[in-house]
N, C-alpha and C. Protein backbone atom coordinates (compact mmCIF):
# COMPACT_ATOMS: atom_id res chain seq x y z
N MET A 1 80.91 84.57 61.31
CA MET A 1 80.68 85.23 62.08
C MET A 1 81.75 86.03 62.48
N PRO A 2 81.77 87.13 62.91
CA PRO A 2 83.07 87.83 63.21
C PRO A 2 83.22 87.26 64.56
N PRO A 3 83.82 87.86 65.35
CA PRO A 3 83.72 87.85 67.40
C PRO A 3 83.33 88.94 67.69
N THR A 4 82.45 88.91 68.79
CA THR A 4 82.35 90.06 68.92
C THR A 4 82.93 90.38 70.30
N HIS A 5 82.43 91.57 70.78
CA HIS A 5 83.80 92.67 71.96
C HIS A 5 82.98 92.57 72.84
N SER A 6 82.17 91.87 73.33
CA SER A 6 81.04 92.13 74.25
C SER A 6 81.50 93.01 75.54
N ALA A 7 83.11 92.50 75.84
CA ALA A 7 83.18 92.86 77.34
C ALA A 7 83.61 94.43 77.67
N ALA A 8 84.64 94.43 76.11
CA ALA A 8 85.07 95.99 76.15
C ALA A 8 84.21 97.03 76.06
N PRO A 9 82.67 97.06 76.46
CA PRO A 9 81.65 98.24 76.93
C PRO A 9 81.75 98.60 78.02
N ARG A 10 81.16 97.15 78.25
CA ARG A 10 81.42 97.18 79.96
C ARG A 10 82.40 97.55 81.31
N ARG A 11 83.55 97.21 80.10
CA ARG A 11 85.32 98.04 81.36
C ARG A 11 85.20 99.65 80.80
N TYR A 12 84.60 100.10 79.39
CA TYR A 12 84.81 101.40 79.26
C TYR A 12 83.88 101.83 80.14
N ALA A 13 82.33 101.71 80.21
CA ALA A 13 81.16 102.13 80.77
C ALA A 13 81.69 102.43 82.29
N SER A 14 82.55 101.43 82.72
CA SER A 14 83.32 101.43 84.41
C SER A 14 84.32 102.25 84.67
N ARG A 15 85.05 102.84 83.52
CA ARG A 15 85.79 103.91 83.47
C ARG A 15 85.33 105.43 82.91
N ARG A 16 84.02 105.68 82.46
CA ARG A 16 84.06 106.79 82.25
C ARG A 16 83.68 107.65 82.84
N GLY A 17 83.93 108.97 83.16
CA GLY A 17 83.88 110.38 84.06
C GLY A 17 85.79 109.85 85.06
N LYS A 18 86.21 108.65 85.01
CA LYS A 18 87.54 108.43 85.54
C LYS A 18 89.00 108.84 84.70
N VAL A 19 89.81 109.30 85.67
CA VAL A 19 91.14 109.51 85.49
C VAL A 19 91.64 108.22 85.94
N ARG A 20 93.32 108.29 85.44
CA ARG A 20 93.92 107.00 85.90
C ARG A 20 95.40 107.68 86.75
N LYS A 21 95.45 107.48 87.51
CA LYS A 21 96.56 108.30 88.31
C LYS A 21 97.14 107.32 88.76
N GLU A 22 98.73 107.41 88.77
CA GLU A 22 99.63 106.15 89.90
C GLU A 22 100.30 107.03 90.61
N PHE A 23 99.88 106.62 91.57
CA PHE A 23 101.38 106.99 93.08
C PHE A 23 101.50 105.93 94.22
N TRP A 24 102.91 106.62 95.39
CA TRP A 24 102.95 105.71 95.66
C TRP A 24 102.33 106.20 97.38
N LEU A 25 101.86 105.01 98.15
CA LEU A 25 100.89 105.27 99.23
C LEU A 25 101.90 104.47 100.39
N ASP A 26 101.44 104.66 101.65
CA ASP A 26 101.88 103.40 102.61
C ASP A 26 101.27 102.51 102.94
N PRO A 27 101.58 101.21 102.81
CA PRO A 27 100.73 100.73 102.77
C PRO A 27 99.54 99.61 104.24
N LYS A 28 100.46 100.42 105.37
CA LYS A 28 99.77 100.31 106.52
C LYS A 28 98.14 101.25 106.44
N ALA A 29 98.86 102.14 106.02
CA ALA A 29 97.59 103.74 106.09
C ALA A 29 96.22 103.15 105.11
N LEU A 30 96.85 103.05 104.05
CA LEU A 30 95.50 102.84 103.09
C LEU A 30 94.97 101.20 103.51
N ARG A 31 95.27 100.35 104.53
CA ARG A 31 95.52 99.38 104.78
C ARG A 31 94.60 99.09 106.37
N ARG A 32 94.59 100.35 106.88
CA ARG A 32 94.09 101.15 108.01
C ARG A 32 92.73 101.74 107.62
N ALA A 33 93.12 102.73 106.44
CA ALA A 33 91.78 103.31 106.03
C ALA A 33 90.71 102.12 105.34
N GLN A 34 91.64 101.04 104.36
CA GLN A 34 90.14 99.92 103.71
C GLN A 34 89.31 99.54 105.39
N THR A 35 89.75 99.44 106.05
CA THR A 35 89.97 98.61 107.98
C THR A 35 88.47 99.20 108.17
N LEU A 36 88.91 100.39 108.47
CA LEU A 36 88.01 101.39 108.72
C LEU A 36 86.55 101.69 108.09
N LEU A 37 87.55 102.42 106.76
CA LEU A 37 86.13 102.42 105.87
C LEU A 37 85.00 101.28 105.07
N GLY A 38 85.39 99.85 105.94
CA GLY A 38 84.97 98.86 105.44
C GLY A 38 84.90 98.53 103.80
N ALA A 39 86.25 99.17 103.05
CA ALA A 39 85.94 98.74 101.98
C ALA A 39 86.22 97.77 101.34
N GLU A 40 85.58 97.87 99.66
CA GLU A 40 86.03 95.52 100.21
C GLU A 40 87.83 96.08 98.95
N THR A 41 87.81 96.83 98.77
CA THR A 41 89.11 97.64 98.04
C THR A 41 89.84 98.18 97.75
N GLU A 42 90.98 98.74 97.32
CA GLU A 42 91.90 99.88 97.50
C GLU A 42 91.40 100.78 97.09
N ARG A 43 91.38 100.56 95.67
CA ARG A 43 90.13 101.64 94.39
C ARG A 43 89.09 101.95 95.84
N GLU A 44 88.35 101.44 96.37
CA GLU A 44 87.44 101.85 96.48
C GLU A 44 87.32 102.53 97.75
N THR A 45 89.07 102.31 98.34
CA THR A 45 89.12 102.69 99.90
C THR A 45 89.52 104.42 99.45
N VAL A 46 90.36 104.27 98.26
CA VAL A 46 90.69 105.57 97.62
C VAL A 46 89.62 106.71 97.24
N GLU A 47 88.54 105.94 96.81
CA GLU A 47 87.37 106.82 95.98
C GLU A 47 86.11 106.80 97.55
N LEU A 48 86.40 106.82 99.09
CA LEU A 48 85.46 106.99 99.36
C LEU A 48 85.58 107.76 100.49
N ALA A 49 87.88 108.07 100.41
CA ALA A 49 88.62 108.67 101.57
C ALA A 49 88.15 110.55 100.93
N LEU A 50 88.14 110.11 99.23
CA LEU A 50 88.10 111.52 98.66
C LEU A 50 86.93 112.12 98.51
N ASP A 51 85.40 111.10 99.08
CA ASP A 51 84.41 111.63 99.19
C ASP A 51 84.08 112.21 100.50
N LEU A 52 85.05 111.74 101.69
CA LEU A 52 84.35 111.91 103.09
C LEU A 52 85.32 113.56 102.88
N VAL A 53 86.60 113.28 102.30
CA VAL A 53 87.13 115.50 102.32
C VAL A 53 85.88 115.79 101.89
N ALA A 54 85.60 115.53 100.76
CA ALA A 54 84.59 117.35 99.89
C ALA A 54 83.63 116.91 101.54
N PHE A 55 83.19 115.82 102.19
CA PHE A 55 81.59 115.90 102.93
C PHE A 55 82.81 116.48 103.61
N ARG A 56 83.48 116.81 104.54
CA ARG A 56 83.99 117.11 105.65
C ARG A 56 83.99 118.86 105.76
N GLN A 57 84.49 119.31 104.07
CA GLN A 57 83.86 120.57 103.16
C GLN A 57 83.17 121.05 103.80
N GLU A 58 81.69 120.16 103.33
CA GLU A 58 80.09 120.32 103.42
C GLU A 58 79.94 120.81 104.45
N LEU A 59 80.32 119.61 105.18
CA LEU A 59 80.22 119.96 106.90
C LEU A 59 80.22 120.91 107.42
N GLY A 60 81.37 121.80 107.14
CA GLY A 60 81.46 122.79 107.93
C GLY A 60 81.50 123.71 107.63
N GLN A 61 81.35 124.08 106.52
CA GLN A 61 80.15 125.28 105.54
C GLN A 61 79.02 124.65 106.46
N GLY A 62 78.14 124.22 105.79
CA GLY A 62 77.09 123.91 106.94
C GLY A 62 76.76 124.42 108.06
N LEU A 63 77.72 124.15 109.45
CA LEU A 63 78.00 124.49 110.33
C LEU A 63 78.39 125.93 110.32
N ARG A 64 79.25 126.70 109.33
CA ARG A 64 78.79 128.13 109.66
C ARG A 64 77.93 128.26 109.28
N THR A 65 76.97 128.30 108.40
CA THR A 65 75.72 128.48 108.33
C THR A 65 75.33 128.66 109.32
N LEU A 66 74.77 127.63 110.06
CA LEU A 66 74.16 127.39 110.72
C LEU A 66 74.85 128.30 112.28
N ALA A 67 76.04 128.15 112.28
CA ALA A 67 76.82 129.46 113.65
C ALA A 67 75.79 130.23 113.35
N GLY A 68 75.91 130.90 112.16
CA GLY A 68 75.19 132.54 112.04
C GLY A 68 73.99 133.21 112.61
N LEU A 69 72.80 131.23 112.80
CA LEU A 69 71.60 132.15 112.53
C LEU A 69 71.67 132.28 113.89
N GLU A 70 70.00 133.13 113.73
CA GLU A 70 69.29 133.35 115.49
C GLU A 70 68.66 132.44 115.38
N LEU A 71 69.04 131.24 116.31
CA LEU A 71 67.63 130.99 116.84
C LEU A 71 66.89 130.98 118.18
N ASP A 72 65.17 130.86 117.56
CA ASP A 72 64.34 130.79 119.46
C ASP A 72 64.26 129.55 119.56
N ARG A 73 64.54 129.85 121.07
CA ARG A 73 63.84 128.35 121.98
C ARG A 73 62.41 128.64 121.47
N ARG A 74 61.95 127.24 121.23
CA ARG A 74 60.74 127.06 121.24
C ARG A 74 60.16 125.89 122.19
N ASP A 75 59.35 126.14 123.66
CA ASP A 75 59.43 125.11 124.05
C ASP A 75 58.23 124.28 123.79
């Protein structure tokens, strides 16, 4: 019976939609961010930080939209 490669599809599935990048980071900044974000891994730290950047932009857009509304005070 030929060997099966059951682990390969799982590895591939976890990489689907991802791109590989290699860059240098300040280890102190990475550890600090990891602690503040409560991330278990460095990869999770970077992914959470990127999500927060996008969320910050969405939050700012929402605030600008709200600032343009005229609201009535209702008691």
